[in-house]
């Protein structure tokens, strides 16, 4: 694999350098566009609020009186809108074109890398998100088939009659945090502040190109079939109080119970829910828990897993996405190394001879493949 990584970097280094420059320019345009929008929204809030704060009339804010409608100038309040259009319209067009060019170049480079690193897999871009598999996985507490889901590329690989699918997935759940935000959006004034925070400040403060989709999950989602049929389901979640709260409040999994296991390394990092205590312990044997912990250390990101019927599902959070480049310079092999490691680790799950989560480990699912 190291030889492929070196060859891939040699083949794509100039493209990576060009992509970095394109992204830097596009990011500047994004911040400029949202900066103009933010100034406009703040100005509108101030104009709306000044009549209710008489103390501001004789301060430096008094210059805003020029934008109040009067009998002699009934269109004074339109001036800020006209200024916004004059500034925002061309900036938006330039940003959109720059973003589309960068996005197209990024997808082309990613596809080239994946095919050079893993010539044996089938890689497809532009496919629809695997909605049914995501819902069946039971990994996401608030997910429904109508929930917004986006796929940024999918890998399919078959080894010894076991097929694994890996996709770069974006999901928007109506979870507790989004429900709270939705409530705020119905309250006057607070809704304006919510919009400013969600669209303006977020897009100005980070160094990622944004498409204004506030994902509750973005990262790698995998699913595969095994031979053993399970009666119930077992779900493994990274330990997180918000995830536990979402699971409890959603009421979608009333049949579940929390499974208490004995491995302290595992229980310090994960919480387990299932429909059958005995089956959960059958699936999560001591050796399997050890390898899930090793998998967590391999990715160093939140991991979710579930086992049910003849399927195993795994989701690994990655804010940059699996098939997109991280922020920062792209002038070293680490970018390709990370991409290769993430894909290879997921592909290793499907190997019957190894069936392992981390390279070089022993069989992980054991009985499930027998």
Protein backbone atom coordinates (compact mmCIF):
# COMPACT_ATOMS: atom_id res chain seq x y z
CA UNK A 1 0.00 0.00 0.00
CA UNK A 2 2.84 2.42 0.77
CA UNK A 3 4.07 2.10 -2.81
CA UNK A 4 0.60 3.00 -4.09
CA UNK A 5 0.43 5.97 -1.72
CA UNK A 6 3.79 7.27 -2.97
CA UNK A 7 2.78 6.73 -6.61
CA UNK A 8 -0.61 8.40 -6.05
CA UNK A 9 0.98 11.43 -4.41
CA UNK A 10 3.52 11.73 -7.23
CA UNK A 11 0.70 11.58 -9.77
CA UNK A 12 -1.60 14.07 -8.03
CA UNK A 13 0.76 16.49 -6.19
CA UNK A 14 0.31 19.27 -8.78
CA UNK A 15 -3.46 18.80 -8.71
CA UNK A 16 -3.42 19.02 -4.90
CA UNK A 17 -1.45 22.25 -5.04
CA UNK A 18 -3.92 23.71 -7.53
CA UNK A 19 -6.84 22.58 -5.37
CA UNK A 20 -5.34 24.30 -2.33
CA UNK A 21 -5.12 27.60 -4.24
CA UNK A 22 -8.67 27.23 -5.59
CA UNK A 23 -10.04 26.48 -2.13
CA UNK A 24 -8.18 29.42 -0.56
CA UNK A 25 -9.69 31.81 -3.11
CA UNK A 26 -13.16 30.28 -2.77
CA UNK A 27 -12.99 30.43 1.03
CA UNK A 28 -12.13 34.13 0.87
CA UNK A 29 -15.15 34.73 -1.37
CA UNK A 30 -17.36 32.71 0.98
CA UNK A 31 -16.32 34.82 3.98
CA UNK A 32 -16.78 38.03 2.00
CA UNK A 33 -20.26 36.97 0.88
CA UNK A 34 -21.42 36.03 4.38
CA UNK A 35 -19.65 39.05 5.91
CA UNK A 36 -21.72 41.37 3.71
CA UNK A 37 -24.87 39.41 4.60
CA UNK A 38 -24.03 39.59 8.30
CA UNK A 39 -23.47 43.35 8.25
CA UNK A 40 -26.80 43.81 6.52
CA UNK A 41 -28.72 41.64 9.00
CA UNK A 42 -27.10 43.39 11.98
CA UNK A 43 -27.93 46.77 10.45
CA UNK A 44 -31.57 45.72 10.00
CA UNK A 45 -31.78 44.59 13.64
CA UNK A 46 -30.34 47.91 14.79
CA UNK A 47 -32.76 49.89 12.62
CA UNK A 48 -35.67 47.91 14.04
CA UNK A 49 -34.46 48.37 17.61
CA UNK A 50 -33.51 52.07 17.69
CA UNK A 51 -37.12 53.41 17.97
CA UNK A 52 -37.52 51.37 21.18
CA UNK A 53 -34.30 52.70 22.76
CA UNK A 54 -34.66 56.51 23.00
CA UNK A 55 -31.28 56.79 24.76
CA UNK A 56 -29.59 56.06 21.41
CA UNK A 57 -31.10 59.08 19.71
CA UNK A 58 -28.31 61.44 20.79
CA UNK A 59 -25.42 59.01 20.43
CA UNK A 60 -23.22 57.96 17.55
CA UNK A 61 -26.06 55.66 16.43
CA UNK A 62 -28.08 58.72 15.47
CA UNK A 63 -26.62 58.57 11.95
CA UNK A 64 -29.01 55.66 11.30
CA UNK A 65 -31.87 58.16 11.30
CA UNK A 66 -30.92 58.79 7.69
CA UNK A 67 -32.40 55.38 6.84
CA UNK A 68 -35.81 56.10 8.35
CA UNK A 69 -38.72 56.81 6.01
CA UNK A 70 -39.94 60.41 6.11
CA UNK A 71 -42.60 62.31 4.13
CA UNK A 72 -39.85 63.94 2.07
CA UNK A 73 -37.89 60.68 1.61
CA UNK A 74 -40.32 57.72 1.79
CA UNK A 75 -37.72 55.26 0.43
CA UNK A 76 -34.92 55.89 2.92
CA UNK A 77 -35.26 52.42 4.46
CA UNK A 78 -34.65 50.88 1.01
CA UNK A 79 -31.10 52.20 0.82
CA UNK A 80 -29.53 49.40 2.89
CA UNK A 81 -31.38 46.82 0.76
CA UNK A 82 -30.09 48.45 -2.41
CA UNK A 83 -26.58 48.50 -0.98
CA UNK A 84 -26.87 44.81 -0.07
CA UNK A 85 -27.94 43.87 -3.59
CA UNK A 86 -25.15 45.91 -5.17
CA UNK A 87 -22.55 44.20 -2.98
CA UNK A 88 -24.01 40.73 -2.49
CA UNK A 89 -25.26 39.88 -5.97
CA UNK A 90 -21.90 39.93 -7.79
CA UNK A 91 -20.10 38.41 -4.77
CA UNK A 92 -22.56 35.50 -4.70
CA UNK A 93 -22.17 34.84 -8.42
CA UNK A 94 -18.37 34.89 -8.22
CA UNK A 95 -18.39 32.64 -5.11
CA UNK A 96 -20.82 30.15 -6.67
CA UNK A 97 -18.70 29.81 -9.81
CA UNK A 98 -15.50 29.43 -7.79
CA UNK A 99 -17.13 26.84 -5.52
CA UNK A 100 -18.41 24.80 -8.48
CA UNK A 101 -14.97 24.79 -10.11
CA UNK A 102 -13.28 23.75 -6.88
CA UNK A 103 -15.90 21.09 -6.14
CA UNK A 104 -15.58 19.59 -9.64
CA UNK A 105 -11.79 19.51 -9.42
CA UNK A 106 -11.90 17.97 -5.93
CA UNK A 107 -14.25 15.18 -7.02
CA UNK A 108 -12.09 14.41 -10.05
CA UNK A 109 -8.92 14.23 -7.92
CA UNK A 110 -10.58 12.07 -5.23
CA UNK A 111 -11.82 9.63 -7.88
CA UNK A 112 -8.33 9.40 -9.36
CA UNK A 113 -6.80 8.73 -5.93
CA UNK A 114 -9.30 6.05 -4.94
CA UNK A 115 -8.85 4.19 -8.22
CA UNK A 116 -5.08 4.30 -7.94
CA UNK A 117 -5.07 3.23 -4.29
CA UNK A 118 -7.77 0.55 -4.61
CA UNK A 119 -8.00 -0.64 -8.21
CA UNK A 120 -10.01 -3.70 -7.09
CA UNK A 121 -13.05 -1.74 -5.82
CA UNK A 122 -15.95 -0.13 -7.63
CA UNK A 123 -16.06 3.59 -6.89
CA UNK A 124 -19.05 5.70 -7.92
CA UNK A 125 -19.81 9.39 -7.45
CA UNK A 126 -23.20 11.01 -7.79
CA UNK A 127 -25.13 8.05 -6.35
CA UNK A 128 -28.16 8.55 -4.12
CA UNK A 129 -27.76 8.11 -0.38
CA UNK A 130 -28.53 4.60 0.98
CA UNK A 131 -31.62 5.80 2.83
CA UNK A 132 -33.09 2.37 3.64
CA UNK A 133 -29.80 1.04 4.99
CA UNK A 134 -29.31 4.13 7.16
CA UNK A 135 -32.81 3.78 8.64
CA UNK A 136 -32.42 0.00 9.17
CA UNK A 137 -29.07 0.50 10.92
CA UNK A 138 -30.77 1.98 14.02
CA UNK A 139 -27.63 4.06 14.58
CA UNK A 140 -29.38 7.42 14.42
CA UNK A 141 -32.10 8.08 16.98
CA UNK A 142 -34.22 10.55 15.01
CA UNK A 143 -33.70 9.31 11.48
CA UNK A 144 -36.64 8.81 9.10
CA UNK A 145 -36.77 7.93 5.42
CA UNK A 146 -37.77 11.49 4.62
CA UNK A 147 -34.82 12.95 6.54
CA UNK A 148 -32.35 14.83 4.30
CA UNK A 149 -29.43 12.55 3.37
CA UNK A 150 -26.60 13.13 0.91
CA UNK A 151 -23.99 10.79 -0.55
CA UNK A 152 -20.61 12.09 -1.72
CA UNK A 153 -19.38 8.85 -3.25
CA UNK A 154 -19.65 5.12 -2.67
CA UNK A 155 -17.27 2.15 -2.73
CA UNK A 156 -18.41 -1.41 -3.28
CA UNK A 157 -16.08 -4.35 -2.77
CA UNK A 158 -16.69 -8.11 -2.76
CA UNK A 159 -14.36 -10.59 -1.08
CA UNK A 160 -15.14 -14.28 -0.66
CA UNK A 161 -18.86 -13.74 -1.28
CA UNK A 162 -19.03 -10.96 1.31
CA UNK A 163 -19.89 -7.57 -0.11
CA UNK A 164 -19.11 -4.36 1.77
CA UNK A 165 -20.43 -0.91 0.86
CA UNK A 166 -18.73 2.27 2.03
CA UNK A 167 -20.22 5.70 1.46
CA UNK A 168 -19.39 9.28 2.43
CA UNK A 169 -22.68 10.30 4.03
CA UNK A 170 -24.25 13.52 5.24
CA UNK A 171 -27.39 13.36 7.41
CA UNK A 172 -29.68 15.99 8.89
CA UNK A 173 -31.71 14.57 11.80
CA UNK A 174 -34.46 16.39 13.62
CA UNK A 175 -32.68 15.68 16.90
CA UNK A 176 -32.86 17.51 20.24
CA UNK A 177 -30.45 20.25 19.16
CA UNK A 178 -32.32 20.90 15.89
CA UNK A 179 -35.68 20.84 17.66
CA UNK A 180 -34.39 23.50 20.05
CA UNK A 181 -33.13 25.59 17.12
CA UNK A 182 -36.48 25.16 15.34
CA UNK A 183 -38.23 26.52 18.44
CA UNK A 184 -35.95 29.57 18.45
CA UNK A 185 -36.74 30.18 14.77
CA UNK A 186 -40.38 30.80 15.72
CA UNK A 187 -39.52 33.54 18.23
CA UNK A 188 -39.19 37.08 16.81
CA UNK A 189 -35.74 38.67 17.11
CA UNK A 190 -34.28 35.37 18.38
CA UNK A 191 -34.93 33.86 14.96
CA UNK A 192 -32.81 36.58 13.36
CA UNK A 193 -30.00 35.86 15.83
CA UNK A 194 -30.34 32.15 15.07
CA UNK A 195 -30.02 32.80 11.34
CA UNK A 196 -26.99 35.01 11.90
CA UNK A 197 -25.33 32.30 14.00
CA UNK A 198 -26.18 29.34 11.75
CA UNK A 199 -25.42 30.89 8.39
CA UNK A 200 -23.19 33.90 8.93
CA UNK A 201 -20.89 33.33 11.91
CA UNK A 202 -20.37 29.61 11.22
CA UNK A 203 -19.41 30.23 7.61
CA UNK A 204 -17.12 33.10 8.54
CA UNK A 205 -15.36 31.54 11.52
CA UNK A 206 -14.36 28.15 10.12
CA UNK A 207 -11.93 27.30 7.34
CA UNK A 208 -14.16 24.86 5.52
CA UNK A 209 -16.19 25.49 2.42
CA UNK A 210 -19.83 25.18 3.41
CA UNK A 211 -22.95 24.37 1.43
CA UNK A 212 -25.14 25.63 4.31
CA UNK A 213 -26.22 22.12 5.30
CA UNK A 214 -25.83 21.74 9.04
CA UNK A 215 -25.24 18.01 9.27
CA UNK A 216 -25.97 16.11 12.45
CA UNK A 217 -23.70 13.42 11.00
CA UNK A 218 -21.06 13.61 8.27
CA UNK A 219 -18.60 10.81 7.68
CA UNK A 220 -18.17 7.21 6.58
CA UNK A 221 -21.12 4.81 6.64
CA UNK A 222 -20.54 1.10 5.93
CA UNK A 223 -22.78 -1.94 5.73
CA UNK A 224 -22.26 -5.61 4.95
CA UNK A 225 -23.97 -9.00 5.19
CA UNK A 226 -22.82 -11.99 7.22
CA UNK A 227 -24.06 -15.57 7.40
CA UNK A 228 -25.33 -15.85 10.95
CA UNK A 229 -28.89 -14.66 11.51
CA UNK A 230 -29.52 -12.66 14.68
CA UNK A 231 -32.92 -12.50 16.36
CA UNK A 232 -32.66 -8.99 17.78
CA UNK A 233 -30.32 -6.05 17.40
CA UNK A 234 -27.32 -4.69 19.27
CA UNK A 235 -26.17 -1.08 18.92
CA UNK A 236 -22.78 0.29 19.98
CA UNK A 237 -22.44 4.08 20.35
CA UNK A 238 -19.48 6.23 21.33
CA UNK A 239 -20.07 7.46 24.87
CA UNK A 240 -21.71 10.86 24.58
CA UNK A 241 -24.39 12.37 26.81
CA UNK A 242 -26.17 14.07 23.92
CA UNK A 243 -26.32 10.78 21.97
CA UNK A 244 -27.83 9.04 25.01
CA UNK A 245 -30.35 11.86 25.47
CA UNK A 246 -31.35 11.67 21.80
CA UNK A 247 -31.84 7.90 22.11
CA UNK A 248 -33.98 8.26 25.21
CA UNK A 249 -36.19 11.13 24.05
CA UNK A 250 -36.78 9.88 20.50
CA UNK A 251 -38.96 6.98 21.80
CA UNK A 252 -38.14 5.02 18.62
CA UNK A 253 -36.41 2.22 20.50
CA UNK A 254 -38.70 1.38 23.42
CA UNK A 255 -37.83 -2.29 23.10
CA UNK A 256 -34.16 -1.60 23.79
CA UNK A 257 -32.37 -1.90 27.10
CA UNK A 258 -28.91 -0.76 28.05
CA UNK A 259 -26.42 -3.60 28.03
CA UNK A 260 -23.87 -3.48 30.86
CA UNK A 261 -20.62 -5.21 29.95
CA UNK A 262 -17.58 -6.02 32.06
CA UNK A 263 -14.69 -4.71 29.93
CA UNK A 264 -13.71 -1.32 31.51
CA UNK A 265 -11.73 -0.14 28.46
CA UNK A 266 -14.77 -0.76 26.29
CA UNK A 267 -17.37 0.70 28.67
CA UNK A 268 -15.28 3.85 29.16
CA UNK A 269 -15.56 4.58 25.44
CA UNK A 270 -18.89 3.05 24.40
CA UNK A 271 -22.48 2.57 25.50
CA UNK A 272 -24.45 -0.46 24.25
CA UNK A 273 -28.19 -0.87 23.65
CA UNK A 274 -29.90 -4.07 22.58
CA UNK A 275 -33.07 -6.14 22.56
CA UNK A 276 -31.49 -9.28 24.00
CA UNK A 277 -28.92 -9.36 26.81
CA UNK A 278 -27.69 -12.86 25.90
CA UNK A 279 -27.39 -12.15 22.17
CA UNK A 280 -25.61 -8.86 22.85
CA UNK A 281 -22.96 -10.68 24.85
CA UNK A 282 -22.72 -13.30 22.09
CA UNK A 283 -22.05 -10.57 19.52
CA UNK A 284 -19.81 -8.49 21.78
CA UNK A 285 -17.43 -11.11 23.08
CA UNK A 286 -14.28 -10.05 24.93
CA UNK A 287 -12.14 -10.32 21.78
CA UNK A 288 -14.64 -8.33 19.71
CA UNK A 289 -14.82 -5.54 22.31
CA UNK A 290 -11.04 -5.39 22.32
CA UNK A 291 -10.97 -4.93 18.56
CA UNK A 292 -13.72 -2.28 18.60
CA UNK A 293 -11.61 -0.32 21.09
CA UNK A 294 -8.63 -0.76 18.73
CA UNK A 295 -10.81 0.48 15.89
CA UNK A 296 -11.74 3.57 17.92
CA UNK A 297 -8.05 4.25 18.49
CA UNK A 298 -7.35 3.70 14.79
CA UNK A 299 -9.89 6.30 13.67
CA UNK A 300 -9.69 8.58 16.74
CA UNK A 301 -13.22 9.77 15.95
CA UNK A 302 -16.75 8.88 17.18
CA UNK A 303 -17.81 5.39 16.04
CA UNK A 304 -21.27 3.83 15.88
CA UNK A 305 -21.96 0.15 15.12
CA UNK A 306 -24.97 -2.15 15.01
CA UNK A 307 -25.58 -5.86 14.46
CA UNK A 308 -28.97 -7.20 13.42
CA UNK A 309 -30.55 -9.91 11.27
CA UNK A 310 -27.71 -10.68 8.79
CA UNK A 311 -26.23 -7.19 8.69
CA UNK A 312 -23.53 -5.19 10.34
CA UNK A 313 -23.48 -1.39 10.09
CA UNK A 314 -20.73 1.04 11.02
CA UNK A 315 -20.55 4.82 10.97
CA UNK A 316 -17.40 6.84 11.65
CA UNK A 317 -17.82 10.58 12.09
CA UNK A 318 -15.59 12.78 9.94
CA UNK A 319 -16.48 16.47 9.70
CA UNK A 320 -14.44 16.84 6.51
CA UNK A 321 -16.12 13.84 4.91
CA UNK A 322 -14.44 10.71 3.61
CA UNK A 323 -14.24 11.79 -0.02
CA UNK A 324 -13.23 15.40 0.44
CA UNK A 325 -9.99 17.02 1.52
CA UNK A 326 -9.34 18.48 4.98
CA UNK A 327 -8.68 22.16 5.48
CA UNK A 328 -5.10 23.37 5.32
CA UNK A 329 -2.30 22.73 2.88
CA UNK A 330 -2.32 19.62 0.71
CA UNK A 331 1.42 19.48 0.02
CA UNK A 332 2.28 16.19 1.76
CA UNK A 333 1.37 12.51 1.61
CA UNK A 334 -0.58 12.60 4.89
CA UNK A 335 -3.75 13.55 3.01
CA UNK A 336 -3.51 10.42 0.86
CA UNK A 337 -2.33 8.30 3.81
CA UNK A 338 -5.45 9.19 5.82
CA UNK A 339 -7.77 8.47 2.89
CA UNK A 340 -6.08 5.11 2.27
CA UNK A 341 -6.11 4.14 5.96
CA UNK A 342 -9.81 4.94 6.42
CA UNK A 343 -10.88 2.96 3.34
CA UNK A 344 -8.53 0.04 4.04
CA UNK A 345 -9.69 -0.25 7.65
CA UNK A 346 -13.30 -0.43 6.51
CA UNK A 347 -12.52 -2.93 3.73
CA UNK A 348 -10.75 -5.21 6.19
CA UNK A 349 -14.06 -5.80 7.96
CA UNK A 350 -15.32 -7.91 5.08
CA UNK A 351 -12.38 -10.29 4.80
CA UNK A 352 -13.48 -13.78 5.82
CA UNK A 353 -9.90 -14.93 6.27
CA UNK A 354 -9.18 -12.00 8.57
CA UNK A 355 -12.57 -10.40 9.19
CA UNK A 356 -10.76 -7.88 11.28
CA UNK A 357 -11.33 -4.19 12.04
CA UNK A 358 -7.71 -3.25 12.21
CA UNK A 359 -4.99 -4.42 9.94
CA UNK A 360 -3.22 -7.48 11.25
CA UNK A 361 -5.81 -8.35 13.91
CA UNK A 362 -7.48 -11.72 14.31
CA UNK A 363 -11.01 -12.59 13.23
CA UNK A 364 -13.42 -10.15 14.79
CA UNK A 365 -16.92 -11.35 14.11
CA UNK A 366 -15.94 -14.98 14.48
CA UNK A 367 -19.22 -16.92 14.74
CA UNK A 368 -21.08 -14.44 12.54
CA UNK A 369 -19.01 -15.52 9.56
CA UNK A 370 -19.16 -19.25 10.31
